[in-house]
Amino acid sequence: MVREVAELRRKSDQDLLKELEEIRTEIRKLRSQIRAGGRVENFMQLRNLRRRLARVLTILNERRREAERA
């Protein structure tokens, strides 16, 4: 996890926003599979995606706050 956070912090804001959209798309796909009654191969993937989404949002919010202070 520490490596993942460090990797995310090295990315630019544009890259993080792109990743944010990719994660949200993947979450939508998994949720629609679950609602349709289909079997999800890796159910923990949804949990991991939600956590990664939160990490990306946290980093973006930290950067926004720093920019407002400056």
PDB file of N, CA and C in Angstrom:
ATOM      1  N   MET A   1       0.818  -1.184   0.000  1.00  0.00           N
ATOM      2  CA  MET A   1       0.000   0.000   0.000  1.00  0.00           C
ATOM      3  C   MET A   1       0.865   1.253   0.000  1.00  0.00           C
ATOM      4  N   VAL A   2       1.942   1.262   0.759  1.00  0.00           N
ATOM      5  CA  VAL A   2       2.811   2.428   0.817  1.00  0.00           C
ATOM      6  C   VAL A   2       3.402   2.705  -0.558  1.00  0.00           C
ATOM      7  N   ARG A   3       3.756   1.645  -1.257  1.00  0.00           N
ATOM      8  CA  ARG A   3       4.313   1.795  -2.596  1.00  0.00           C
ATOM      9  C   ARG A   3       3.266   2.380  -3.540  1.00  0.00           C
ATOM     10  N   GLU A   4       2.025   1.939  -3.382  1.00  0.00           N
ATOM     11  CA  GLU A   4       0.942   2.442  -4.229  1.00  0.00           C
ATOM     12  C   GLU A   4       0.717   3.933  -3.993  1.00  0.00           C
ATOM     13  N   VAL A   5       0.743   4.357  -2.746  1.00  0.00           N
ATOM     14  CA  VAL A   5       0.534   5.767  -2.425  1.00  0.00           C
ATOM     15  C   VAL A   5       1.676   6.604  -2.977  1.00  0.00           C
ATOM     16  N   ALA A   6       2.900   6.118  -2.843  1.00  0.00           N
ATOM     17  CA  ALA A   6       4.047   6.844  -3.375  1.00  0.00           C
ATOM     18  C   ALA A   6       3.946   6.965  -4.893  1.00  0.00           C
ATOM     19  N   GLU A   7       3.486   5.902  -5.522  1.00  0.00           N
ATOM     20  CA  GLU A   7       3.308   5.910  -6.975  1.00  0.00           C
ATOM     21  C   GLU A   7       2.260   6.938  -7.380  1.00  0.00           C
ATOM     22  N   LEU A   8       1.174   7.002  -6.636  1.00  0.00           N
ATOM     23  CA  LEU A   8       0.117   7.966  -6.941  1.00  0.00           C
ATOM     24  C   LEU A   8       0.595   9.400  -6.733  1.00  0.00           C
ATOM     25  N   ARG A   9       1.383   9.634  -5.703  1.00  0.00           N
ATOM     26  CA  ARG A   9       1.866  10.984  -5.422  1.00  0.00           C
ATOM     27  C   ARG A   9       2.820  11.494  -6.501  1.00  0.00           C
ATOM     28  N   ARG A  10       3.491  10.580  -7.193  1.00  0.00           N
ATOM     29  CA  ARG A  10       4.409  10.977  -8.266  1.00  0.00           C
ATOM     30  C   ARG A  10       3.667  11.392  -9.534  1.00  0.00           C
ATOM     31  N   LYS A  11       2.411  11.024  -9.664  1.00  0.00           N
ATOM     32  CA  LYS A  11       1.648  11.337 -10.864  1.00  0.00           C
ATOM     33  C   LYS A  11       1.186  12.784 -10.850  1.00  0.00           C
ATOM     34  N   SER A  12       0.979  13.315 -12.053  1.00  0.00           N
ATOM     35  CA  SER A  12       0.470  14.679 -12.177  1.00  0.00           C
ATOM     36  C   SER A  12      -1.028  14.695 -11.898  1.00  0.00           C
ATOM     37  N   ASP A  13      -1.565  15.888 -11.733  1.00  0.00           N
ATOM     38  CA  ASP A  13      -2.998  16.017 -11.482  1.00  0.00           C
ATOM     39  C   ASP A  13      -3.814  15.455 -12.642  1.00  0.00           C
ATOM     40  N   GLN A  14      -3.363  15.708 -13.863  1.00  0.00           N
ATOM     41  CA  GLN A  14      -4.080  15.208 -15.035  1.00  0.00           C
ATOM     42  C   GLN A  14      -4.100  13.683 -15.056  1.00  0.00           C
ATOM     43  N   ASP A  15      -2.967  13.069 -14.713  1.00  0.00           N
ATOM     44  CA  ASP A  15      -2.912  11.603 -14.668  1.00  0.00           C
ATOM     45  C   ASP A  15      -3.826  11.056 -13.581  1.00  0.00           C
ATOM     46  N   LEU A  16      -3.875  11.752 -12.451  1.00  0.00           N
ATOM     47  CA  LEU A  16      -4.747  11.311 -11.363  1.00  0.00           C
ATOM     48  C   LEU A  16      -6.216  11.434 -11.748  1.00  0.00           C
ATOM     49  N   LEU A  17      -6.563  12.499 -12.449  1.00  0.00           N
ATOM     50  CA  LEU A  17      -7.946  12.665 -12.888  1.00  0.00           C
ATOM     51  C   LEU A  17      -8.327  11.585 -13.903  1.00  0.00           C
ATOM     52  N   LYS A  18      -7.393  11.235 -14.761  1.00  0.00           N
ATOM     53  CA  LYS A  18      -7.645  10.172 -15.736  1.00  0.00           C
ATOM     54  C   LYS A  18      -7.839   8.841 -15.011  1.00  0.00           C
ATOM     55  N   GLU A  19      -6.985   8.575 -14.033  1.00  0.00           N
ATOM     56  CA  GLU A  19      -7.110   7.339 -13.260  1.00  0.00           C
ATOM     57  C   GLU A  19      -8.416   7.312 -12.475  1.00  0.00           C
ATOM     58  N   LEU A  20      -8.827   8.450 -11.979  1.00  0.00           N
ATOM     59  CA  LEU A  20     -10.084   8.566 -11.246  1.00  0.00           C
ATOM     60  C   LEU A  20     -11.261   8.121 -12.121  1.00  0.00           C
ATOM     61  N   GLU A  21     -11.280   8.584 -13.359  1.00  0.00           N
ATOM     62  CA  GLU A  21     -12.352   8.192 -14.276  1.00  0.00           C
ATOM     63  C   GLU A  21     -12.288   6.706 -14.599  1.00  0.00           C
ATOM     64  N   GLU A  22     -11.083   6.164 -14.764  1.00  0.00           N
ATOM     65  CA  GLU A  22     -10.938   4.739 -15.050  1.00  0.00           C
ATOM     66  C   GLU A  22     -11.446   3.892 -13.884  1.00  0.00           C
ATOM     67  N   ILE A  23     -11.120   4.309 -12.678  1.00  0.00           N
ATOM     68  CA  ILE A  23     -11.563   3.575 -11.491  1.00  0.00           C
ATOM     69  C   ILE A  23     -13.082   3.623 -11.383  1.00  0.00           C
ATOM     70  N   ARG A  24     -13.649   4.805 -11.595  1.00  0.00           N
ATOM     71  CA  ARG A  24     -15.113   4.939 -11.498  1.00  0.00           C
ATOM     72  C   ARG A  24     -15.814   4.086 -12.552  1.00  0.00           C
ATOM     73  N   THR A  25     -15.238   4.016 -13.749  1.00  0.00           N
ATOM     74  CA  THR A  25     -15.811   3.182 -14.803  1.00  0.00           C
ATOM     75  C   THR A  25     -15.767   1.710 -14.411  1.00  0.00           C
ATOM     76  N   GLU A  26     -14.646   1.293 -13.869  1.00  0.00           N
ATOM     77  CA  GLU A  26     -14.496  -0.107 -13.448  1.00  0.00           C
ATOM     78  C   GLU A  26     -15.463  -0.447 -12.321  1.00  0.00           C
ATOM     79  N   ILE A  27     -15.647   0.468 -11.384  1.00  0.00           N
ATOM     80  CA  ILE A  27     -16.589   0.253 -10.279  1.00  0.00           C
ATOM     81  C   ILE A  27     -18.006   0.112 -10.829  1.00  0.00           C
ATOM     82  N   ARG A  28     -18.376   0.978 -11.793  1.00  0.00           N
ATOM     83  CA  ARG A  28     -19.702   0.883 -12.398  1.00  0.00           C
ATOM     84  C   ARG A  28     -19.913  -0.469 -13.064  1.00  0.00           C
ATOM     85  N   LYS A  29     -18.890  -0.954 -13.767  1.00  0.00           N
ATOM     86  CA  LYS A  29     -18.999  -2.261 -14.431  1.00  0.00           C
ATOM     87  C   LYS A  29     -19.220  -3.375 -13.422  1.00  0.00           C
ATOM     88  N   LEU A  30     -18.429  -3.375 -12.361  1.00  0.00           N
ATOM     89  CA  LEU A  30     -18.562  -4.416 -11.351  1.00  0.00           C
ATOM     90  C   LEU A  30     -19.923  -4.367 -10.672  1.00  0.00           C
ATOM     91  N   ARG A  31     -20.386  -3.180 -10.345  1.00  0.00           N
ATOM     92  CA  ARG A  31     -21.688  -3.049  -9.686  1.00  0.00           C
ATOM     93  C   ARG A  31     -22.815  -3.518 -10.590  1.00  0.00           C
ATOM     94  N   SER A  32     -22.710  -3.204 -11.881  1.00  0.00           N
ATOM     95  CA  SER A  32     -23.768  -3.653 -12.796  1.00  0.00           C
ATOM     96  C   SER A  32     -23.746  -5.177 -12.945  1.00  0.00           C
ATOM     97  N   GLN A  33     -22.565  -5.776 -12.913  1.00  0.00           N
ATOM     98  CA  GLN A  33     -22.473  -7.238 -12.957  1.00  0.00           C
ATOM     99  C   GLN A  33     -23.124  -7.850 -11.727  1.00  0.00           C
ATOM    100  N   ILE A  34     -22.883  -7.253 -10.582  1.00  0.00           N
ATOM    101  CA  ILE A  34     -23.452  -7.771  -9.340  1.00  0.00           C
ATOM    102  C   ILE A  34     -24.970  -7.630  -9.357  1.00  0.00           C
ATOM    103  N   ARG A  35     -25.470  -6.472  -9.797  1.00  0.00           N
ATOM    104  CA  ARG A  35     -26.920  -6.248  -9.833  1.00  0.00           C
ATOM    105  C   ARG A  35     -27.616  -7.167 -10.826  1.00  0.00           C
ATOM    106  N   ALA A  36     -26.921  -7.493 -11.908  1.00  0.00           N
ATOM    107  CA  ALA A  36     -27.511  -8.358 -12.932  1.00  0.00           C
ATOM    108  C   ALA A  36     -27.538  -9.818 -12.484  1.00  0.00           C
ATOM    109  N   GLY A  37     -26.985 -10.086 -11.328  1.00  0.00           N
ATOM    110  CA  GLY A  37     -26.979 -11.440 -10.809  1.00  0.00           C
ATOM    111  C   GLY A  37     -25.825 -12.264 -11.328  1.00  0.00           C
ATOM    112  N   GLY A  38     -24.953 -11.613 -12.080  1.00  0.00           N
ATOM    113  CA  GLY A  38     -23.791 -12.313 -12.596  1.00  0.00           C
ATOM    114  C   GLY A  38     -22.775 -12.557 -11.510  1.00  0.00           C
ATOM    115  N   ARG A  39     -21.936 -13.498 -11.746  1.00  0.00           N
ATOM    116  CA  ARG A  39     -20.926 -13.828 -10.757  1.00  0.00           C
ATOM    117  C   ARG A  39     -19.676 -13.008 -11.014  1.00  0.00           C
ATOM    118  N   VAL A  40     -19.203 -12.365  -9.990  1.00  0.00           N
ATOM    119  CA  VAL A  40     -17.984 -11.580 -10.077  1.00  0.00           C
ATOM    120  C   VAL A  40     -16.833 -12.481  -9.674  1.00  0.00           C
ATOM    121  N   GLU A  41     -15.818 -12.529 -10.524  1.00  0.00           N
ATOM    122  CA  GLU A  41     -14.699 -13.431 -10.253  1.00  0.00           C
ATOM    123  C   GLU A  41     -13.988 -13.077  -8.952  1.00  0.00           C
ATOM    124  N   ASN A  42     -13.683 -11.813  -8.789  1.00  0.00           N
ATOM    125  CA  ASN A  42     -12.949 -11.398  -7.608  1.00  0.00           C
ATOM    126  C   ASN A  42     -13.763 -10.319  -6.899  1.00  0.00           C
ATOM    127  N   PHE A  43     -14.540 -10.740  -5.914  1.00  0.00           N
ATOM    128  CA  PHE A  43     -15.417  -9.809  -5.232  1.00  0.00           C
ATOM    129  C   PHE A  43     -14.636  -8.741  -4.464  1.00  0.00           C
ATOM    130  N   MET A  44     -13.436  -9.077  -4.027  1.00  0.00           N
ATOM    131  CA  MET A  44     -12.610  -8.107  -3.290  1.00  0.00           C
ATOM    132  C   MET A  44     -12.110  -6.985  -4.190  1.00  0.00           C
ATOM    133  N   GLN A  45     -12.218  -7.186  -5.493  1.00  0.00           N
ATOM    134  CA  GLN A  45     -11.758  -6.162  -6.422  1.00  0.00           C
ATOM    135  C   GLN A  45     -12.552  -4.870  -6.237  1.00  0.00           C
ATOM    136  N   LEU A  46     -13.839  -4.982  -5.971  1.00  0.00           N
ATOM    137  CA  LEU A  46     -14.668  -3.797  -5.751  1.00  0.00           C
ATOM    138  C   LEU A  46     -14.180  -3.031  -4.528  1.00  0.00           C
ATOM    139  N   ARG A  47     -13.885  -3.735  -3.475  1.00  0.00           N
ATOM    140  CA  ARG A  47     -13.386  -3.094  -2.257  1.00  0.00           C
ATOM    141  C   ARG A  47     -12.047  -2.402  -2.514  1.00  0.00           C
ATOM    142  N   ASN A  48     -11.162  -3.086  -3.226  1.00  0.00           N
ATOM    143  CA  ASN A  48      -9.854  -2.512  -3.532  1.00  0.00           C
ATOM    144  C   ASN A  48      -9.978  -1.282  -4.427  1.00  0.00           C
ATOM    145  N   LEU A  49     -10.894  -1.320  -5.383  1.00  0.00           N
ATOM    146  CA  LEU A  49     -11.102  -0.166  -6.255  1.00  0.00           C
ATOM    147  C   LEU A  49     -11.635   1.029  -5.467  1.00  0.00           C
ATOM    148  N   ARG A  50     -12.571   0.769  -4.556  1.00  0.00           N
ATOM    149  CA  ARG A  50     -13.105   1.866  -3.746  1.00  0.00           C
ATOM    150  C   ARG A  50     -12.010   2.496  -2.889  1.00  0.00           C
ATOM    151  N   ARG A  51     -11.133   1.679  -2.368  1.00  0.00           N
ATOM    152  CA  ARG A  51     -10.039   2.212  -1.554  1.00  0.00           C
ATOM    153  C   ARG A  51      -9.059   3.018  -2.396  1.00  0.00           C
ATOM    154  N   ARG A  52      -8.765   2.518  -3.603  1.00  0.00           N
ATOM    155  CA  ARG A  52      -7.865   3.255  -4.493  1.00  0.00           C
ATOM    156  C   ARG A  52      -8.498   4.580  -4.904  1.00  0.00           C
ATOM    157  N   LEU A  53      -9.805   4.570  -5.139  1.00  0.00           N
ATOM    158  CA  LEU A  53     -10.529   5.797  -5.459  1.00  0.00           C
ATOM    159  C   LEU A  53     -10.376   6.812  -4.327  1.00  0.00           C
ATOM    160  N   ALA A  54     -10.519   6.361  -3.113  1.00  0.00           N
ATOM    161  CA  ALA A  54     -10.385   7.249  -1.951  1.00  0.00           C
ATOM    162  C   ALA A  54      -8.967   7.806  -1.850  1.00  0.00           C
ATOM    163  N   ARG A  55      -7.978   6.985  -2.142  1.00  0.00           N
ATOM    164  CA  ARG A  55      -6.589   7.458  -2.094  1.00  0.00           C
ATOM    165  C   ARG A  55      -6.350   8.551  -3.127  1.00  0.00           C
ATOM    166  N   VAL A  56      -6.849   8.343  -4.346  1.00  0.00           N
ATOM    167  CA  VAL A  56      -6.666   9.328  -5.404  1.00  0.00           C
ATOM    168  C   VAL A  56      -7.361  10.629  -5.029  1.00  0.00           C
ATOM    169  N   LEU A  57      -8.586  10.542  -4.528  1.00  0.00           N
ATOM    170  CA  LEU A  57      -9.314  11.744  -4.126  1.00  0.00           C
ATOM    171  C   LEU A  57      -8.611  12.474  -2.989  1.00  0.00           C
ATOM    172  N   THR A  58      -8.049  11.731  -2.064  1.00  0.00           N
ATOM    173  CA  THR A  58      -7.328  12.344  -0.945  1.00  0.00           C
ATOM    174  C   THR A  58      -6.118  13.126  -1.441  1.00  0.00           C
ATOM    175  N   ILE A  59      -5.362  12.534  -2.344  1.00  0.00           N
ATOM    176  CA  ILE A  59      -4.174  13.206  -2.884  1.00  0.00           C
ATOM    177  C   ILE A  59      -4.580  14.466  -3.646  1.00  0.00           C
ATOM    178  N   LEU A  60      -5.635  14.371  -4.461  1.00  0.00           N
ATOM    179  CA  LEU A  60      -6.093  15.549  -5.203  1.00  0.00           C
ATOM    180  C   LEU A  60      -6.562  16.650  -4.259  1.00  0.00           C
ATOM    181  N   ASN A  61      -7.270  16.276  -3.195  1.00  0.00           N
ATOM    182  CA  ASN A  61      -7.734  17.282  -2.228  1.00  0.00           C
ATOM    183  C   ASN A  61      -6.574  17.915  -1.467  1.00  0.00           C
ATOM    184  N   GLU A  62      -5.562  17.127  -1.130  1.00  0.00           N
ATOM    185  CA  GLU A  62      -4.379  17.683  -0.466  1.00  0.00           C
ATOM    186  C   GLU A  62      -3.706  18.707  -1.358  1.00  0.00           C
ATOM    187  N   ARG A  63      -3.560  18.383  -2.628  1.00  0.00           N
ATOM    188  CA  ARG A  63      -2.916  19.300  -3.565  1.00  0.00           C
ATOM    189  C   ARG A  63      -3.741  20.566  -3.747  1.00  0.00           C
ATOM    190  N   ARG A  64      -5.065  20.422  -3.793  1.00  0.00           N
ATOM    191  CA  ARG A  64      -5.933  21.585  -3.942  1.00  0.00           C
ATOM    192  C   ARG A  64      -5.801  22.511  -2.738  1.00  0.00           C
ATOM    193  N   ARG A  65      -5.759  21.924  -1.551  1.00  0.00           N
ATOM    194  CA  ARG A  65      -5.625  22.742  -0.335  1.00  0.00           C
ATOM    195  C   ARG A  65      -4.295  23.464  -0.288  1.00  0.00           C
ATOM    196  N   GLU A  66      -3.229  22.779  -0.700  1.00  0.00           N
ATOM    197  CA  GLU A  66      -1.907  23.416  -0.737  1.00  0.00           C
ATOM    198  C   GLU A  66      -1.897  24.579  -1.719  1.00  0.00           C
ATOM    199  N   ALA A  67      -2.544  24.408  -2.855  1.00  0.00           N
ATOM    200  CA  ALA A  67      -2.593  25.478  -3.858  1.00  0.00           C
ATOM    201  C   ALA A  67      -3.378  26.675  -3.339  1.00  0.00           C
ATOM    202  N   GLU A  68      -4.416  26.425  -2.561  1.00  0.00           N
ATOM    203  CA  GLU A  68      -5.218  27.525  -2.002  1.00  0.00           C
ATOM    204  C   GLU A  68      -4.426  28.311  -0.966  1.00  0.00           C
ATOM    205  N   ARG A  69      -3.582  27.623  -0.223  1.00  0.00           N
ATOM    206  CA  ARG A  69      -2.758  28.305   0.784  1.00  0.00           C
ATOM    207  C   ARG A  69      -1.707  29.195   0.164  1.00  0.00           C
ATOM    208  N   ALA A  70      -1.206  28.794  -0.993  1.00  0.00           N
ATOM    209  CA  ALA A  70      -0.106  29.537  -1.630  1.00  0.00           C
ATOM    210  C   ALA A  70      -0.569  30.811  -2.290  1.00  0.00           C
TER     211      ALA A  70
END
